[in-house]
C-alpha atoms as a PDB file:
ATOM      1  CA  MET A   1     -13.514   3.740 -23.154  1.00  0.00           C
ATOM      2  CA  ALA A   2      -9.994   4.773 -24.238  1.00  0.00           C
ATOM      3  CA  SER A   3      -9.661   6.969 -21.139  1.00  0.00           C
ATOM      4  CA  PHE A   4     -10.475   4.003 -18.885  1.00  0.00           C
ATOM      5  CA  PHE A   5      -7.856   1.876 -20.657  1.00  0.00           C
ATOM      6  CA  TRP A   6      -5.076   4.466 -20.274  1.00  0.00           C
ATOM      7  CA  ASN A   7      -5.956   5.140 -16.634  1.00  0.00           C
ATOM      8  CA  THR A   8      -5.744   1.386 -15.947  1.00  0.00           C
ATOM      9  CA  VAL A   9      -2.368   1.146 -17.724  1.00  0.00           C
ATOM     10  CA  LEU A  10      -1.045   4.137 -15.770  1.00  0.00           C
ATOM     11  CA  LEU A  11      -2.147   2.634 -12.448  1.00  0.00           C
ATOM     12  CA  TYR A  12      -0.473  -0.651 -13.366  1.00  0.00           C
ATOM     13  CA  ILE A  13       2.795   1.093 -14.261  1.00  0.00           C
ATOM     14  CA  LEU A  14       2.757   3.094 -11.028  1.00  0.00           C
ATOM     15  CA  SER A  15       2.126  -0.044  -8.981  1.00  0.00           C
ATOM     16  CA  CYS A  16       5.096  -1.797 -10.636  1.00  0.00           C
ATOM     17  CA  VAL A  17       7.542   1.041  -9.970  1.00  0.00           C
ATOM     18  CA  ALA A  18       6.014   2.248  -6.728  1.00  0.00           C
ATOM     19  CA  THR A  19       7.405   1.366  -3.342  1.00  0.00           C
ATOM     20  CA  PRO A  20       8.621  -1.662  -1.451  1.00  0.00           C
ATOM     21  CA  GLY A  21       6.132  -3.414   0.804  1.00  0.00           C
ATOM     22  CA  LYS A  22       5.946  -3.260   4.553  1.00  0.00           C
ATOM     23  CA  PRO A  23       9.056  -4.756   6.216  1.00  0.00           C
ATOM     24  CA  ASN A  24       8.833  -7.161   9.130  1.00  0.00           C
ATOM     25  CA  PRO A  25       9.313  -5.461  12.511  1.00  0.00           C
ATOM     26  CA  PRO A  26      12.942  -4.773  13.451  1.00  0.00           C
ATOM     27  CA  THR A  27      14.601  -7.351  15.700  1.00  0.00           C
ATOM     28  CA  VAL A  28      16.158  -6.005  18.894  1.00  0.00           C
ATOM     29  CA  ILE A  29      19.617  -7.557  19.185  1.00  0.00           C
ATOM     30  CA  HIS A  30      21.154  -5.495  21.999  1.00  0.00           C
ATOM     31  CA  ILE A  31      19.879  -3.216  24.738  1.00  0.00           C
ATOM     32  CA  GLY A  32      22.142  -0.876  26.667  1.00  0.00           C
ATOM     33  CA  ILE A  33      21.549   1.848  29.221  1.00  0.00           C
ATOM     34  CA  TRP A  34      21.494   4.576  26.584  1.00  0.00           C
ATOM     35  CA  SER A  35      21.235   2.610  23.332  1.00  0.00           C
ATOM     36  CA  ILE A  36      19.250  -0.022  21.441  1.00  0.00           C
ATOM     37  CA  THR A  37      20.611  -2.015  18.481  1.00  0.00           C
ATOM     38  CA  VAL A  38      18.153  -3.409  15.941  1.00  0.00           C
ATOM     39  CA  SER A  39      18.464  -5.442  12.760  1.00  0.00           C
ATOM     40  CA  TYR A  40      15.988  -5.674   9.893  1.00  0.00           C
ATOM     41  CA  LYS A  41      15.532  -7.339   6.535  1.00  0.00           C
ATOM     42  CA  PRO A  42      14.166  -6.184   3.185  1.00  0.00           C
ATOM     43  CA  PRO A  43      10.371  -6.330   2.927  1.00  0.00           C
ATOM     44  CA  PRO A  44       9.031  -9.820   2.129  1.00  0.00           C
ATOM     45  CA  GLY A  45       9.029 -10.350  -1.627  1.00  0.00           C
ATOM     46  CA  ALA A  46      11.110  -7.224  -2.236  1.00  0.00           C
ATOM     47  CA  ASP A  47      13.888  -7.164  -4.797  1.00  0.00           C
ATOM     48  CA  LYS A  48      16.865  -6.834  -2.412  1.00  0.00           C
ATOM     49  CA  THR A  49      19.037  -5.390  -5.172  1.00  0.00           C
ATOM     50  CA  LYS A  50      16.683  -2.421  -5.598  1.00  0.00           C
ATOM     51  CA  VAL A  51      16.498  -1.360  -1.926  1.00  0.00           C
ATOM     52  CA  ILE A  52      18.886   1.571  -1.619  1.00  0.00           C
ATOM     53  CA  ILE A  53      18.179   2.837   1.880  1.00  0.00           C
ATOM     54  CA  TYR A  54      16.426   1.960   5.087  1.00  0.00           C
ATOM     55  CA  VAL A  55      14.947   4.675   7.263  1.00  0.00           C
ATOM     56  CA  ILE A  56      14.653   3.952  10.972  1.00  0.00           C
ATOM     57  CA  ARG A  57      12.370   6.029  13.168  1.00  0.00           C
ATOM     58  CA  TYR A  58      11.873   5.846  16.917  1.00  0.00           C
ATOM     59  CA  ARG A  59      10.015   7.573  19.719  1.00  0.00           C
ATOM     60  CA  LYS A  60       9.415   7.169  23.411  1.00  0.00           C
ATOM     61  CA  GLN A  61       6.380   4.982  24.016  1.00  0.00           C
ATOM     62  CA  GLY A  62       3.335   7.176  24.611  1.00  0.00           C
ATOM     63  CA  GLN A  63       4.717  10.124  22.644  1.00  0.00           C
ATOM     64  CA  THR A  64       3.692  11.081  19.113  1.00  0.00           C
ATOM     65  CA  ASP A  65       6.805  12.792  17.725  1.00  0.00           C
ATOM     66  CA  TRP A  66       9.170  10.512  15.796  1.00  0.00           C
ATOM     67  CA  VAL A  67      12.937  10.899  15.488  1.00  0.00           C
ATOM     68  CA  SER A  68      14.308   9.785  12.109  1.00  0.00           C
ATOM     69  CA  LEU A  69      17.822   8.472  11.704  1.00  0.00           C
ATOM     70  CA  PRO A  70      19.646   9.291   8.466  1.00  0.00           C
ATOM     71  CA  GLY A  71      18.948   6.724   5.728  1.00  0.00           C
ATOM     72  CA  THR A  72      21.342   3.795   5.742  1.00  0.00           C
ATOM     73  CA  THR A  73      22.288   0.903   3.481  1.00  0.00           C
ATOM     74  CA  THR A  74      23.128  -1.401   6.385  1.00  0.00           C
ATOM     75  CA  THR A  75      20.688  -3.849   7.960  1.00  0.00           C
ATOM     76  CA  THR A  76      21.757  -3.171  11.553  1.00  0.00           C
ATOM     77  CA  VAL A  77      21.742   0.133  13.397  1.00  0.00           C
ATOM     78  CA  THR A  78      22.400   1.319  16.940  1.00  0.00           C
ATOM     79  CA  ILE A  79      20.173   4.098  18.223  1.00  0.00           C
ATOM     80  CA  THR A  80      22.157   6.116  20.752  1.00  0.00           C
ATOM     81  CA  HIS A  81      21.654   8.976  23.221  1.00  0.00           C
ATOM     82  CA  LEU A  82      18.526   7.387  24.663  1.00  0.00           C
ATOM     83  CA  GLN A  83      17.220   7.728  28.186  1.00  0.00           C
ATOM     84  CA  GLY A  84      17.796   4.822  30.589  1.00  0.00           C
ATOM     85  CA  LYS A  85      14.875   2.660  31.776  1.00  0.00           C
ATOM     86  CA  THR A  86      12.593   4.000  29.030  1.00  0.00           C
ATOM     87  CA  HIS A  87      10.417   2.166  26.495  1.00  0.00           C
ATOM     88  CA  TYR A  88      11.023   3.050  22.840  1.00  0.00           C
ATOM     89  CA  VAL A  89       8.950   2.250  19.764  1.00  0.00           C
ATOM     90  CA  ILE A  90      11.058   1.529  16.653  1.00  0.00           C
ATOM     91  CA  VAL A  91       9.963   1.143  13.015  1.00  0.00           C
ATOM     92  CA  VAL A  92      11.812   0.688   9.716  1.00  0.00           C
ATOM     93  CA  ALA A  93      10.872   1.506   6.113  1.00  0.00           C
ATOM     94  CA  ALA A  94      12.674   0.684   2.850  1.00  0.00           C
ATOM     95  CA  GLN A  95      13.136   2.798  -0.259  1.00  0.00           C
ATOM     96  CA  TYR A  96      13.818   1.580  -3.785  1.00  0.00           C
ATOM     97  CA  LYS A  97      16.068   3.486  -6.155  1.00  0.00           C
ATOM     98  CA  GLU A  98      13.226   4.589  -8.424  1.00  0.00           C
ATOM     99  CA  GLY A  99      10.457   4.844  -5.851  1.00  0.00           C
ATOM    100  CA  GLU A 100       9.265   6.519  -2.746  1.00  0.00           C
ATOM    101  CA  LEU A 101       9.735   5.427   0.823  1.00  0.00           C
ATOM    102  CA  GLY A 102       7.626   2.369   1.566  1.00  0.00           C
ATOM    103  CA  PRO A 103       5.321   1.915   4.558  1.00  0.00           C
ATOM    104  CA  ASP A 104       6.618   1.575   8.105  1.00  0.00           C
ATOM    105  CA  SER A 105       7.004  -1.878   9.587  1.00  0.00           C
ATOM    106  CA  ASP A 106       4.994  -2.905  12.584  1.00  0.00           C
ATOM    107  CA  PRO A 107       6.796  -1.561  15.637  1.00  0.00           C
ATOM    108  CA  ALA A 108       9.347  -3.211  17.848  1.00  0.00           C
ATOM    109  CA  ILE A 109       9.207  -2.040  21.450  1.00  0.00           C
ATOM    110  CA  ALA A 110      12.253  -2.177  23.692  1.00  0.00           C
ATOM    111  CA  GLU A 111      13.171  -0.779  27.084  1.00  0.00           C
ATOM    112  CA  THR A 112      16.628   0.594  27.743  1.00  0.00           C
ATOM    113  CA  ARG A 113      18.337  -0.716  30.854  1.00  0.00           C
ATOM    114  CA  PRO A 114      18.317   1.182  34.104  1.00  0.00           C
ATOM    115  CA  GLY A 115      21.654   2.691  34.960  1.00  0.00           C
ATOM    116  CA  LYS A 116      23.535   5.533  36.500  1.00  0.00           C
ATOM    117  CA  TYR A 117      26.556   7.464  35.400  1.00  0.00           C
ATOM    118  CA  ILE A 118      29.397   6.629  37.747  1.00  0.00           C
ATOM    119  CA  LYS A 119      32.194   9.146  37.812  1.00  0.00           C
ATOM    120  CA  THR A 120      35.634   7.595  37.867  1.00  0.00           C
ATOM    121  CA  SER A 121      38.736   9.399  39.002  1.00  0.00           C
END
């Protein structure tokens, strides 16, 4: 009986410290030929003062390998060096000071604009 009690207390403590919830999907605010800018907010119900970094990951639609950007404290980021006229899947996760990285948001999907490099003299 005592073991059950302490296991329940431990699970409760871990759930209180644990991780932020799942953020809303990022919002695409600008699309360029080789870049996409997204904004995001803390997870619903999260203590905004405890979120220390956001981790943004992206990949080409249809591929499985993610590219992670360095953690950031800002709520807007521009993903650069992308391929023109390509669909990208973008997710964000939040991390609290005393916890682990929370779950990924649902994805935002955006297509970079078509374009060509024009050499100027």
